[in-house]
Amino acid sequence: MKTIALTLALTLALPLRLLAAVGCDLNDPDRDVARLFPGSTGYKTRYVSIKDQGGAALLARVESRLGDKFKGLYETIDVPYTIYEVLKDKQRLGYIHGVNEKGVYGGIQVFLALDPEGAIKSFYFQKLTSRHGRELRAASFADQFKGLSLKDFRDYDVAAGRSVAAIKNPVPAEEKDFHAALRGVKKNLILMDEFVFHRPQEAKL
């Protein structure tokens, strides 16, 4: 009886462990890369995690830069992050990277296409469940992120929900999903800085 109970407990726990290690991949990499980087000829895929790249010390630094603690199944230390390095022949055109965020009505997947220096070329939601999904998915909202980089999020207080000057909320009456999107962008940029760009001068962000 004890053996059966133990087996059942392990079986029930397995999905939780799997969910804890779920990252954020492009739904259709070939299609999405071509759409986000017209003229690209290919891409390389790299899988990294905070655990493998620096462990607890890196997690503490990321949380400090973000101004908020990681929490939930999609912000564990071993979550795999998928980085797409986009190429035109041998020339690097930029990167695509997505992160998971918790919205009011479910998960949000925030993707950024970055140029080789880390500035945002494109912002979009791969997944968004929101009462105001139409407004948040609108091109007029996404276009506000173009050209911004990590330094533009220096004053964005994730915990307090203080806004970014360059980004206007398309639905002022609904703040939570808007700030979840901004948190996702800042987290995305910080992780890319840690995993790819390695710019010590930005470490205070």
C-alpha atoms as a PDB file:
ATOM      1  CA  MET A   1       0.000   0.000   0.000  1.00  0.00           C
ATOM      2  CA  LYS A   2       2.835   2.372   0.863  1.00  0.00           C
ATOM      3  CA  THR A   3       4.490   1.593  -2.472  1.00  0.00           C
ATOM      4  CA  ILE A   4       1.282   2.413  -4.358  1.00  0.00           C
ATOM      5  CA  ALA A   5       0.865   5.652  -2.430  1.00  0.00           C
ATOM      6  CA  LEU A   6       4.471   6.670  -3.124  1.00  0.00           C
ATOM      7  CA  THR A   7       4.132   5.882  -6.826  1.00  0.00           C
ATOM      8  CA  LEU A   8       0.928   7.909  -7.020  1.00  0.00           C
ATOM      9  CA  ALA A   9       2.532  10.861  -5.239  1.00  0.00           C
ATOM     10  CA  LEU A  10       5.477  10.831  -7.623  1.00  0.00           C
ATOM     11  CA  THR A  11       3.173  10.597 -10.626  1.00  0.00           C
ATOM     12  CA  LEU A  12       1.111  13.543  -9.440  1.00  0.00           C
ATOM     13  CA  ALA A  13       4.232  15.590  -8.738  1.00  0.00           C
ATOM     14  CA  LEU A  14       5.724  14.950 -12.174  1.00  0.00           C
ATOM     15  CA  PRO A  15       3.567  17.473 -14.083  1.00  0.00           C
ATOM     16  CA  LEU A  16       4.500  20.190 -11.610  1.00  0.00           C
ATOM     17  CA  ARG A  17       8.197  19.559 -12.138  1.00  0.00           C
ATOM     18  CA  LEU A  18       7.715  19.564 -15.884  1.00  0.00           C
ATOM     19  CA  LEU A  19       5.743  22.794 -15.761  1.00  0.00           C
ATOM     20  CA  ALA A  20       8.458  24.361 -13.635  1.00  0.00           C
ATOM     21  CA  ALA A  21      10.938  23.755 -16.428  1.00  0.00           C
ATOM     22  CA  VAL A  22       8.781  25.035 -19.293  1.00  0.00           C
ATOM     23  CA  GLY A  23      10.280  27.906 -21.224  1.00  0.00           C
ATOM     24  CA  CYS A  24       8.895  30.112 -23.974  1.00  0.00           C
ATOM     25  CA  ASP A  25       9.507  28.956 -27.548  1.00  0.00           C
ATOM     26  CA  LEU A  26       8.292  30.386 -30.826  1.00  0.00           C
ATOM     27  CA  ASN A  27       5.215  28.534 -32.042  1.00  0.00           C
ATOM     28  CA  ASP A  28       6.590  28.326 -35.594  1.00  0.00           C
ATOM     29  CA  PRO A  29      10.260  29.402 -35.628  1.00  0.00           C
ATOM     30  CA  ASP A  30      10.717  29.276 -39.419  1.00  0.00           C
ATOM     31  CA  ARG A  31       7.649  31.411 -40.046  1.00  0.00           C
ATOM     32  CA  ASP A  32       8.204  33.778 -37.110  1.00  0.00           C
ATOM     33  CA  VAL A  33      11.876  34.434 -37.831  1.00  0.00           C
ATOM     34  CA  ALA A  34      11.087  35.249 -41.462  1.00  0.00           C
ATOM     35  CA  ARG A  35       8.284  37.581 -40.369  1.00  0.00           C
ATOM     36  CA  LEU A  36      10.292  39.427 -37.737  1.00  0.00           C
ATOM     37  CA  PHE A  37      13.497  39.597 -39.785  1.00  0.00           C
ATOM     38  CA  PRO A  38      12.653  39.908 -43.493  1.00  0.00           C
ATOM     39  CA  GLY A  39      15.658  38.955 -45.583  1.00  0.00           C
ATOM     40  CA  SER A  40      17.098  36.565 -42.992  1.00  0.00           C
ATOM     41  CA  THR A  41      18.484  33.292 -44.295  1.00  0.00           C
ATOM     42  CA  GLY A  42      18.557  31.220 -41.125  1.00  0.00           C
ATOM     43  CA  TYR A  43      18.887  31.140 -37.367  1.00  0.00           C
ATOM     44  CA  LYS A  44      20.656  29.355 -34.540  1.00  0.00           C
ATOM     45  CA  THR A  45      18.864  28.212 -31.397  1.00  0.00           C
ATOM     46  CA  ARG A  46      20.489  28.368 -27.980  1.00  0.00           C
ATOM     47  CA  TYR A  47      19.024  27.058 -24.731  1.00  0.00           C
ATOM     48  CA  VAL A  48      20.148  28.587 -21.446  1.00  0.00           C
ATOM     49  CA  SER A  49      18.946  28.782 -17.858  1.00  0.00           C
ATOM     50  CA  ILE A  50      19.801  30.903 -14.851  1.00  0.00           C
ATOM     51  CA  LYS A  51      20.821  27.723 -13.053  1.00  0.00           C
ATOM     52  CA  ASP A  52      23.390  26.808 -15.703  1.00  0.00           C
ATOM     53  CA  GLN A  53      24.663  30.332 -16.354  1.00  0.00           C
ATOM     54  CA  GLY A  54      25.280  31.463 -12.791  1.00  0.00           C
ATOM     55  CA  GLY A  55      22.957  29.750 -10.359  1.00  0.00           C
ATOM     56  CA  ALA A  56      21.729  31.451  -7.215  1.00  0.00           C
ATOM     57  CA  ALA A  57      24.112  34.397  -7.613  1.00  0.00           C
ATOM     58  CA  LEU A  58      22.773  35.153 -11.095  1.00  0.00           C
ATOM     59  CA  LEU A  59      19.174  34.786  -9.933  1.00  0.00           C
ATOM     60  CA  ALA A  60      19.817  37.298  -7.147  1.00  0.00           C
ATOM     61  CA  ARG A  61      21.372  39.743  -9.629  1.00  0.00           C
ATOM     62  CA  VAL A  62      18.490  39.389 -12.091  1.00  0.00           C
ATOM     63  CA  GLU A  63      15.943  39.945  -9.319  1.00  0.00           C
ATOM     64  CA  SER A  64      17.879  42.981  -8.108  1.00  0.00           C
ATOM     65  CA  ARG A  65      17.985  44.469 -11.598  1.00  0.00           C
ATOM     66  CA  LEU A  66      14.305  43.704 -12.137  1.00  0.00           C
ATOM     67  CA  GLY A  67      13.305  45.127  -8.763  1.00  0.00           C
ATOM     68  CA  ASP A  68      11.091  42.156  -8.046  1.00  0.00           C
ATOM     69  CA  LYS A  69      11.353  38.529  -6.942  1.00  0.00           C
ATOM     70  CA  PHE A  70      10.902  35.630  -9.319  1.00  0.00           C
ATOM     71  CA  LYS A  71       7.868  33.566  -8.411  1.00  0.00           C
ATOM     72  CA  GLY A  72       5.622  30.866  -9.789  1.00  0.00           C
ATOM     73  CA  LEU A  73       6.189  27.934 -12.115  1.00  0.00           C
ATOM     74  CA  TYR A  74       7.614  29.997 -14.967  1.00  0.00           C
ATOM     75  CA  GLU A  75      10.216  31.884 -12.944  1.00  0.00           C
ATOM     76  CA  THR A  76      12.165  29.087 -11.310  1.00  0.00           C
ATOM     77  CA  ILE A  77      15.937  28.992 -11.474  1.00  0.00           C
ATOM     78  CA  ASP A  78      15.933  26.060 -13.924  1.00  0.00           C
ATOM     79  CA  VAL A  79      13.464  27.398 -16.505  1.00  0.00           C
ATOM     80  CA  PRO A  80      15.040  27.025 -19.965  1.00  0.00           C
ATOM     81  CA  TYR A  81      15.147  30.182 -22.070  1.00  0.00           C
ATOM     82  CA  THR A  82      15.302  29.836 -25.855  1.00  0.00           C
ATOM     83  CA  ILE A  83      17.372  32.430 -27.697  1.00  0.00           C
ATOM     84  CA  TYR A  84      17.097  32.638 -31.478  1.00  0.00           C
ATOM     85  CA  GLU A  85      20.133  34.209 -33.147  1.00  0.00           C
ATOM     86  CA  VAL A  86      18.986  35.396 -36.566  1.00  0.00           C
ATOM     87  CA  LEU A  87      21.367  35.393 -39.520  1.00  0.00           C
ATOM     88  CA  LYS A  88      21.679  36.632 -43.063  1.00  0.00           C
ATOM     89  CA  ASP A  89      24.293  34.279 -44.429  1.00  0.00           C
ATOM     90  CA  LYS A  90      27.090  34.814 -41.848  1.00  0.00           C
ATOM     91  CA  GLN A  91      25.896  38.230 -40.701  1.00  0.00           C
ATOM     92  CA  ARG A  92      24.046  38.448 -37.389  1.00  0.00           C
ATOM     93  CA  LEU A  93      20.828  40.409 -37.815  1.00  0.00           C
ATOM     94  CA  GLY A  94      19.663  40.161 -34.218  1.00  0.00           C
ATOM     95  CA  TYR A  95      17.872  38.001 -31.714  1.00  0.00           C
ATOM     96  CA  ILE A  96      14.392  36.819 -30.752  1.00  0.00           C
ATOM     97  CA  HIS A  97      13.574  35.924 -27.161  1.00  0.00           C
ATOM     98  CA  GLY A  98      10.367  35.393 -25.213  1.00  0.00           C
ATOM     99  CA  VAL A  99       9.385  35.188 -21.553  1.00  0.00           C
ATOM    100  CA  ASN A 100       6.311  34.099 -19.633  1.00  0.00           C
ATOM    101  CA  GLU A 101       4.400  36.499 -17.407  1.00  0.00           C
ATOM    102  CA  LYS A 102       1.318  36.101 -15.235  1.00  0.00           C
ATOM    103  CA  GLY A 103      -1.644  38.137 -16.416  1.00  0.00           C
ATOM    104  CA  VAL A 104      -5.002  38.732 -14.799  1.00  0.00           C
ATOM    105  CA  TYR A 105      -6.726  35.899 -16.677  1.00  0.00           C
ATOM    106  CA  GLY A 106      -3.807  33.606 -17.454  1.00  0.00           C
ATOM    107  CA  GLY A 107      -0.323  33.400 -18.852  1.00  0.00           C
ATOM    108  CA  ILE A 108       1.187  36.032 -21.130  1.00  0.00           C
ATOM    109  CA  GLN A 109       4.081  35.382 -23.508  1.00  0.00           C
ATOM    110  CA  VAL A 110       6.081  38.526 -24.285  1.00  0.00           C
ATOM    111  CA  PHE A 111       8.407  38.276 -27.271  1.00  0.00           C
ATOM    112  CA  LEU A 112      11.033  40.762 -28.400  1.00  0.00           C
ATOM    113  CA  ALA A 113      13.016  40.937 -31.612  1.00  0.00           C
ATOM    114  CA  LEU A 114      16.259  42.768 -30.865  1.00  0.00           C
ATOM    115  CA  ASP A 115      18.910  44.240 -33.114  1.00  0.00           C
ATOM    116  CA  PRO A 116      22.563  43.153 -32.618  1.00  0.00           C
ATOM    117  CA  GLU A 117      23.036  45.896 -29.993  1.00  0.00           C
ATOM    118  CA  GLY A 118      19.969  44.954 -27.954  1.00  0.00           C
ATOM    119  CA  ALA A 119      17.496  47.617 -29.091  1.00  0.00           C
ATOM    120  CA  ILE A 120      13.920  46.496 -29.682  1.00  0.00           C
ATOM    121  CA  LYS A 121      12.929  46.008 -33.311  1.00  0.00           C
ATOM    122  CA  SER A 122       9.574  44.392 -32.583  1.00  0.00           C
ATOM    123  CA  PHE A 123       7.400  43.645 -29.568  1.00  0.00           C
ATOM    124  CA  TYR A 124       4.491  41.234 -29.622  1.00  0.00           C
ATOM    125  CA  PHE A 125       2.394  38.885 -27.530  1.00  0.00           C
ATOM    126  CA  GLN A 126       2.561  35.289 -28.647  1.00  0.00           C
ATOM    127  CA  LYS A 127      -0.025  34.506 -25.978  1.00  0.00           C
ATOM    128  CA  LEU A 128      -2.382  36.916 -24.268  1.00  0.00           C
ATOM    129  CA  THR A 129      -5.627  36.264 -22.423  1.00  0.00           C
ATOM    130  CA  SER A 130      -7.069  39.608 -21.466  1.00  0.00           C
ATOM    131  CA  ARG A 131     -10.343  41.505 -21.509  1.00  0.00           C
ATOM    132  CA  HIS A 132      -8.440  44.184 -23.403  1.00  0.00           C
ATOM    133  CA  GLY A 133      -6.504  41.911 -25.739  1.00  0.00           C
ATOM    134  CA  ARG A 134      -7.471  43.881 -28.844  1.00  0.00           C
ATOM    135  CA  GLU A 135      -6.026  47.121 -27.513  1.00  0.00           C
ATOM    136  CA  LEU A 136      -2.860  45.496 -26.165  1.00  0.00           C
ATOM    137  CA  ARG A 137      -2.265  43.594 -29.401  1.00  0.00           C
ATOM    138  CA  ALA A 138      -2.760  46.697 -31.535  1.00  0.00           C
ATOM    139  CA  ALA A 139       0.153  47.817 -33.711  1.00  0.00           C
ATOM    140  CA  SER A 140      -0.124  51.292 -32.172  1.00  0.00           C
ATOM    141  CA  PHE A 141       0.789  49.816 -28.780  1.00  0.00           C
ATOM    142  CA  ALA A 142       3.592  47.575 -30.065  1.00  0.00           C
ATOM    143  CA  ASP A 143       5.131  50.409 -32.079  1.00  0.00           C
ATOM    144  CA  GLN A 144       5.838  52.346 -28.879  1.00  0.00           C
ATOM    145  CA  PHE A 145       8.548  49.805 -27.967  1.00  0.00           C
ATOM    146  CA  LYS A 146      10.535  50.166 -31.193  1.00  0.00           C
ATOM    147  CA  GLY A 147      14.027  51.508 -30.625  1.00  0.00           C
ATOM    148  CA  LEU A 148      13.877  51.195 -26.843  1.00  0.00           C
ATOM    149  CA  SER A 149      16.527  49.256 -24.939  1.00  0.00           C
ATOM    150  CA  LEU A 150      17.289  48.245 -21.384  1.00  0.00           C
ATOM    151  CA  LYS A 151      18.381  51.744 -20.365  1.00  0.00           C
ATOM    152  CA  ASP A 152      14.899  53.073 -21.190  1.00  0.00           C
ATOM    153  CA  PHE A 153      13.484  50.808 -18.469  1.00  0.00           C
ATOM    154  CA  ARG A 154      15.863  52.128 -15.792  1.00  0.00           C
ATOM    155  CA  ASP A 155      13.115  53.999 -13.986  1.00  0.00           C
ATOM    156  CA  TYR A 156      10.399  51.401 -14.420  1.00  0.00           C
ATOM    157  CA  ASP A 157       9.527  50.312 -10.891  1.00  0.00           C
ATOM    158  CA  VAL A 158       8.106  46.803 -11.351  1.00  0.00           C
ATOM    159  CA  ALA A 159       6.894  46.474  -7.773  1.00  0.00           C
ATOM    160  CA  ALA A 160       5.174  49.864  -7.666  1.00  0.00           C
ATOM    161  CA  GLY A 161       3.913  49.691 -11.238  1.00  0.00           C
ATOM    162  CA  ARG A 162       5.345  53.087 -12.128  1.00  0.00           C
ATOM    163  CA  SER A 163       5.073  53.479 -15.877  1.00  0.00           C
ATOM    164  CA  VAL A 164       7.721  53.942 -18.565  1.00  0.00           C
ATOM    165  CA  ALA A 165       7.570  57.457 -19.999  1.00  0.00           C
ATOM    166  CA  ALA A 166       7.765  56.261 -23.602  1.00  0.00           C
ATOM    167  CA  ILE A 167       4.934  53.713 -23.249  1.00  0.00           C
ATOM    168  CA  LYS A 168       1.307  54.790 -22.933  1.00  0.00           C
ATOM    169  CA  ASN A 169      -1.335  52.417 -21.628  1.00  0.00           C
ATOM    170  CA  PRO A 170      -4.005  51.944 -24.346  1.00  0.00           C
ATOM    171  CA  VAL A 171      -6.551  51.068 -21.639  1.00  0.00           C
ATOM    172  CA  PRO A 172      -5.914  53.387 -18.663  1.00  0.00           C
ATOM    173  CA  ALA A 173      -8.785  51.811 -16.726  1.00  0.00           C
ATOM    174  CA  GLU A 174      -6.979  48.438 -16.725  1.00  0.00           C
ATOM    175  CA  GLU A 175      -3.467  48.552 -15.272  1.00  0.00           C
ATOM    176  CA  LYS A 176      -2.611  44.952 -14.381  1.00  0.00           C
ATOM    177  CA  ASP A 177      -2.118  43.379 -17.813  1.00  0.00           C
ATOM    178  CA  PHE A 178      -0.402  46.539 -19.038  1.00  0.00           C
ATOM    179  CA  HIS A 179       2.151  46.373 -16.227  1.00  0.00           C
ATOM    180  CA  ALA A 180       2.529  42.620 -16.675  1.00  0.00           C
ATOM    181  CA  ALA A 181       3.579  43.378 -20.254  1.00  0.00           C
ATOM    182  CA  LEU A 182       6.078  46.008 -19.114  1.00  0.00           C
ATOM    183  CA  ARG A 183       7.477  43.667 -16.470  1.00  0.00           C
ATOM    184  CA  GLY A 184       7.867  41.020 -19.158  1.00  0.00           C
ATOM    185  CA  VAL A 185       9.752  43.422 -21.426  1.00  0.00           C
ATOM    186  CA  LYS A 186      12.119  44.522 -18.665  1.00  0.00           C
ATOM    187  CA  LYS A 187      12.712  40.931 -17.556  1.00  0.00           C
ATOM    188  CA  ASN A 188      13.281  39.903 -21.168  1.00  0.00           C
ATOM    189  CA  LEU A 189      15.863  42.660 -21.710  1.00  0.00           C
ATOM    190  CA  ILE A 190      17.683  41.909 -18.444  1.00  0.00           C
ATOM    191  CA  LEU A 191      17.913  38.201 -19.242  1.00  0.00           C
ATOM    192  CA  MET A 192      19.232  38.960 -22.720  1.00  0.00           C
ATOM    193  CA  ASP A 193      21.798  41.312 -21.212  1.00  0.00           C
ATOM    194  CA  GLU A 194      22.940  38.571 -18.843  1.00  0.00           C
ATOM    195  CA  PHE A 195      22.878  35.728 -21.376  1.00  0.00           C
ATOM    196  CA  VAL A 196      24.064  37.508 -24.529  1.00  0.00           C
ATOM    197  CA  PHE A 197      25.276  41.079 -24.265  1.00  0.00           C
ATOM    198  CA  HIS A 198      27.215  40.997 -20.961  1.00  0.00           C
ATOM    199  CA  ARG A 199      27.403  44.752 -20.429  1.00  0.00           C
ATOM    200  CA  PRO A 200      28.680  45.486 -16.912  1.00  0.00           C
ATOM    201  CA  GLN A 201      27.794  49.159 -17.240  1.00  0.00           C
ATOM    202  CA  GLU A 202      24.124  48.195 -17.360  1.00  0.00           C
ATOM    203  CA  ALA A 203      24.310  46.061 -14.212  1.00  0.00           C
ATOM    204  CA  LYS A 204      22.703  48.693 -12.015  1.00  0.00           C
ATOM    205  CA  LEU A 205      19.488  48.377 -14.012  1.00  0.00           C
END
